[in-house]
Amino acid sequence: MMSTLKKRIDSFRFAFKGLADLFISQPNARIHGVAAIVAVTLGAILGLSKIEWCLIVISIFGVVAAEAFNTALEYLTDLVSPEYHLLAGKTKDVAAAGVLLTAMGAFIIGIIIFTPKILSFF
């Protein structure tokens, strides 16, 4: 029983270690973090509905998760292919495209939610 509990605690510890590495090592993750802070602050000021908050939270966590998957693939690709290889480059490009698509979706959701609320002040 204790070893199972220790394994679960360790798995969370490793996950938080990975999250710290993500934000320390990846400039784009920090940009996404700033964007998340802006979105949450703006949402608090503008008084989002529960559904709007859900969309914002899903968007934020989706983008950060995509960035984490991209970073993991980059690390793995660098491990297995230290020298340049066409397929290694394609792997990194496609993983980066996944982050871009997720971020674009989050941006569009932000526009849909925030634009009418901001325009109502004018």
C-alpha atoms as a PDB file:
ATOM      1  CA  MET A   1       0.000   0.000   0.000  1.00  0.00           C
ATOM      2  CA  MET A   2       2.733   2.482   0.956  1.00  0.00           C
ATOM      3  CA  SER A   3       4.734   1.834  -2.199  1.00  0.00           C
ATOM      4  CA  THR A   4       1.631   2.519  -4.324  1.00  0.00           C
ATOM      5  CA  LEU A   5       1.051   5.802  -2.506  1.00  0.00           C
ATOM      6  CA  LYS A   6       4.717   6.735  -2.895  1.00  0.00           C
ATOM      7  CA  LYS A   7       4.514   5.974  -6.632  1.00  0.00           C
ATOM      8  CA  ARG A   8       1.472   8.253  -6.982  1.00  0.00           C
ATOM      9  CA  ILE A   9       3.179  11.039  -5.042  1.00  0.00           C
ATOM     10  CA  ASP A  10       6.329  10.592  -7.141  1.00  0.00           C
ATOM     11  CA  SER A  11       4.299  10.755 -10.358  1.00  0.00           C
ATOM     12  CA  PHE A  12       2.912  14.143  -9.302  1.00  0.00           C
ATOM     13  CA  ARG A  13       6.379  15.303  -8.283  1.00  0.00           C
ATOM     14  CA  PHE A  14       7.766  14.326 -11.704  1.00  0.00           C
ATOM     15  CA  ALA A  15       4.871  16.040 -13.465  1.00  0.00           C
ATOM     16  CA  PHE A  16       5.469  19.290 -11.566  1.00  0.00           C
ATOM     17  CA  LYS A  17       9.193  18.966 -12.315  1.00  0.00           C
ATOM     18  CA  GLY A  18       8.299  18.691 -16.017  1.00  0.00           C
ATOM     19  CA  LEU A  19       5.996  21.699 -15.766  1.00  0.00           C
ATOM     20  CA  ALA A  20       8.775  23.752 -14.169  1.00  0.00           C
ATOM     21  CA  ASP A  21      11.199  22.648 -16.892  1.00  0.00           C
ATOM     22  CA  LEU A  22       8.660  23.626 -19.533  1.00  0.00           C
ATOM     23  CA  PHE A  23       8.343  27.201 -18.275  1.00  0.00           C
ATOM     24  CA  ILE A  24      12.052  27.582 -17.456  1.00  0.00           C
ATOM     25  CA  SER A  25      13.400  26.207 -20.732  1.00  0.00           C
ATOM     26  CA  GLN A  26      10.784  27.259 -23.285  1.00  0.00           C
ATOM     27  CA  PRO A  27      10.292  30.952 -24.123  1.00  0.00           C
ATOM     28  CA  ASN A  28       7.031  30.186 -25.941  1.00  0.00           C
ATOM     29  CA  ALA A  29       5.630  28.545 -22.808  1.00  0.00           C
ATOM     30  CA  ARG A  30       6.334  31.753 -20.911  1.00  0.00           C
ATOM     31  CA  ILE A  31       4.557  33.749 -23.648  1.00  0.00           C
ATOM     32  CA  HIS A  32       1.555  31.416 -23.314  1.00  0.00           C
ATOM     33  CA  GLY A  33       1.725  31.900 -19.533  1.00  0.00           C
ATOM     34  CA  VAL A  34       1.589  35.682 -19.904  1.00  0.00           C
ATOM     35  CA  ALA A  35      -1.315  35.368 -22.351  1.00  0.00           C
ATOM     36  CA  ALA A  36      -3.119  33.161 -19.819  1.00  0.00           C
ATOM     37  CA  ILE A  37      -2.611  35.732 -17.060  1.00  0.00           C
ATOM     38  CA  VAL A  38      -3.951  38.468 -19.357  1.00  0.00           C
ATOM     39  CA  ALA A  39      -6.991  36.356 -20.289  1.00  0.00           C
ATOM     40  CA  VAL A  40      -7.790  35.483 -16.653  1.00  0.00           C
ATOM     41  CA  THR A  41      -7.340  39.100 -15.543  1.00  0.00           C
ATOM     42  CA  LEU A  42      -9.502  40.390 -18.387  1.00  0.00           C
ATOM     43  CA  GLY A  43     -12.094  37.702 -17.628  1.00  0.00           C
ATOM     44  CA  ALA A  44     -12.224  38.745 -13.983  1.00  0.00           C
ATOM     45  CA  ILE A  45     -12.619  42.413 -14.930  1.00  0.00           C
ATOM     46  CA  LEU A  46     -15.286  41.757 -17.571  1.00  0.00           C
ATOM     47  CA  GLY A  47     -17.268  39.218 -15.525  1.00  0.00           C
ATOM     48  CA  LEU A  48     -17.328  36.137 -17.721  1.00  0.00           C
ATOM     49  CA  SER A  49     -20.154  33.617 -17.508  1.00  0.00           C
ATOM     50  CA  LYS A  50     -19.488  30.064 -16.318  1.00  0.00           C
ATOM     51  CA  ILE A  51     -19.495  28.778 -19.897  1.00  0.00           C
ATOM     52  CA  GLU A  52     -17.097  31.507 -21.008  1.00  0.00           C
ATOM     53  CA  TRP A  53     -14.770  30.665 -18.119  1.00  0.00           C
ATOM     54  CA  CYS A  54     -14.902  27.001 -19.093  1.00  0.00           C
ATOM     55  CA  LEU A  55     -13.886  27.857 -22.659  1.00  0.00           C
ATOM     56  CA  ILE A  56     -11.044  30.079 -21.439  1.00  0.00           C
ATOM     57  CA  VAL A  57      -9.770  27.439 -18.997  1.00  0.00           C
ATOM     58  CA  ILE A  58      -9.928  24.674 -21.629  1.00  0.00           C
ATOM     59  CA  SER A  59      -8.107  26.949 -24.071  1.00  0.00           C
ATOM     60  CA  ILE A  60      -5.357  27.857 -21.608  1.00  0.00           C
ATOM     61  CA  PHE A  61      -4.717  24.291 -20.495  1.00  0.00           C
ATOM     62  CA  GLY A  62      -4.965  23.025 -24.080  1.00  0.00           C
ATOM     63  CA  VAL A  63      -2.276  25.416 -25.285  1.00  0.00           C
ATOM     64  CA  VAL A  64       0.041  24.654 -22.353  1.00  0.00           C
ATOM     65  CA  ALA A  65      -0.484  20.908 -22.842  1.00  0.00           C
ATOM     66  CA  ALA A  66       0.269  21.243 -26.565  1.00  0.00           C
ATOM     67  CA  GLU A  67       3.459  23.142 -25.700  1.00  0.00           C
ATOM     68  CA  ALA A  68       4.406  20.384 -23.238  1.00  0.00           C
ATOM     69  CA  PHE A  69       3.849  17.647 -25.841  1.00  0.00           C
ATOM     70  CA  ASN A  70       5.855  19.655 -28.372  1.00  0.00           C
ATOM     71  CA  THR A  71       8.723  20.095 -25.935  1.00  0.00           C
ATOM     72  CA  ALA A  72       8.704  16.384 -25.057  1.00  0.00           C
ATOM     73  CA  LEU A  73       8.847  15.487 -28.757  1.00  0.00           C
ATOM     74  CA  GLU A  74      11.702  17.945 -29.287  1.00  0.00           C
ATOM     75  CA  TYR A  75      13.652  16.421 -26.394  1.00  0.00           C
ATOM     76  CA  LEU A  76      13.055  12.896 -27.675  1.00  0.00           C
ATOM     77  CA  THR A  77      13.917  13.851 -31.247  1.00  0.00           C
ATOM     78  CA  ASP A  78      17.173  15.456 -30.116  1.00  0.00           C
ATOM     79  CA  LEU A  79      18.004  12.290 -28.164  1.00  0.00           C
ATOM     80  CA  VAL A  80      17.445   9.859 -31.031  1.00  0.00           C
ATOM     81  CA  SER A  81      18.726  12.142 -33.794  1.00  0.00           C
ATOM     82  CA  PRO A  82      21.492  14.440 -32.490  1.00  0.00           C
ATOM     83  CA  GLU A  83      22.580  15.239 -36.035  1.00  0.00           C
ATOM     84  CA  TYR A  84      20.203  16.830 -38.509  1.00  0.00           C
ATOM     85  CA  HIS A  85      17.844  14.426 -40.209  1.00  0.00           C
ATOM     86  CA  LEU A  86      14.981  15.376 -42.547  1.00  0.00           C
ATOM     87  CA  LEU A  87      12.441  13.306 -40.591  1.00  0.00           C
ATOM     88  CA  ALA A  88      13.628  14.710 -37.262  1.00  0.00           C
ATOM     89  CA  GLY A  89      13.082  18.198 -38.651  1.00  0.00           C
ATOM     90  CA  LYS A  90       9.621  17.253 -39.907  1.00  0.00           C
ATOM     91  CA  THR A  91       8.756  15.787 -36.501  1.00  0.00           C
ATOM     92  CA  LYS A  92       9.645  19.047 -34.784  1.00  0.00           C
ATOM     93  CA  ASP A  93       7.823  21.125 -37.417  1.00  0.00           C
ATOM     94  CA  VAL A  94       4.604  19.129 -37.151  1.00  0.00           C
ATOM     95  CA  ALA A  95       4.703  19.211 -33.335  1.00  0.00           C
ATOM     96  CA  ALA A  96       5.185  22.986 -33.475  1.00  0.00           C
ATOM     97  CA  ALA A  97       2.250  23.199 -35.892  1.00  0.00           C
ATOM     98  CA  GLY A  98       0.107  21.463 -33.272  1.00  0.00           C
ATOM     99  CA  VAL A  99       0.963  24.178 -30.771  1.00  0.00           C
ATOM    100  CA  LEU A 100       0.280  26.871 -33.366  1.00  0.00           C
ATOM    101  CA  LEU A 101      -3.131  25.429 -34.208  1.00  0.00           C
ATOM    102  CA  THR A 102      -4.072  25.122 -30.542  1.00  0.00           C
ATOM    103  CA  ALA A 103      -2.935  28.687 -29.836  1.00  0.00           C
ATOM    104  CA  MET A 104      -4.844  29.977 -32.871  1.00  0.00           C
ATOM    105  CA  GLY A 105      -7.995  28.243 -31.613  1.00  0.00           C
ATOM    106  CA  ALA A 106      -7.516  29.771 -28.163  1.00  0.00           C
ATOM    107  CA  PHE A 107      -6.977  33.200 -29.724  1.00  0.00           C
ATOM    108  CA  ILE A 108     -10.190  32.885 -31.760  1.00  0.00           C
ATOM    109  CA  ILE A 109     -12.109  31.836 -28.634  1.00  0.00           C
ATOM    110  CA  GLY A 110     -10.658  34.879 -26.858  1.00  0.00           C
ATOM    111  CA  ILE A 111     -11.764  37.170 -29.690  1.00  0.00           C
ATOM    112  CA  ILE A 112     -15.283  35.696 -29.673  1.00  0.00           C
ATOM    113  CA  ILE A 113     -15.621  36.055 -25.895  1.00  0.00           C
ATOM    114  CA  PHE A 114     -13.786  39.322 -25.194  1.00  0.00           C
ATOM    115  CA  THR A 115     -14.542  41.523 -28.222  1.00  0.00           C
ATOM    116  CA  PRO A 116     -18.276  42.074 -27.552  1.00  0.00           C
ATOM    117  CA  LYS A 117     -17.591  42.743 -23.864  1.00  0.00           C
ATOM    118  CA  ILE A 118     -14.849  45.256 -24.615  1.00  0.00           C
ATOM    119  CA  LEU A 119     -16.889  46.964 -27.358  1.00  0.00           C
ATOM    120  CA  SER A 120     -19.824  47.386 -24.945  1.00  0.00           C
ATOM    121  CA  PHE A 121     -17.736  49.999 -23.099  1.00  0.00           C
ATOM    122  CA  PHE A 122     -17.759  52.277 -26.172  1.00  0.00           C
END
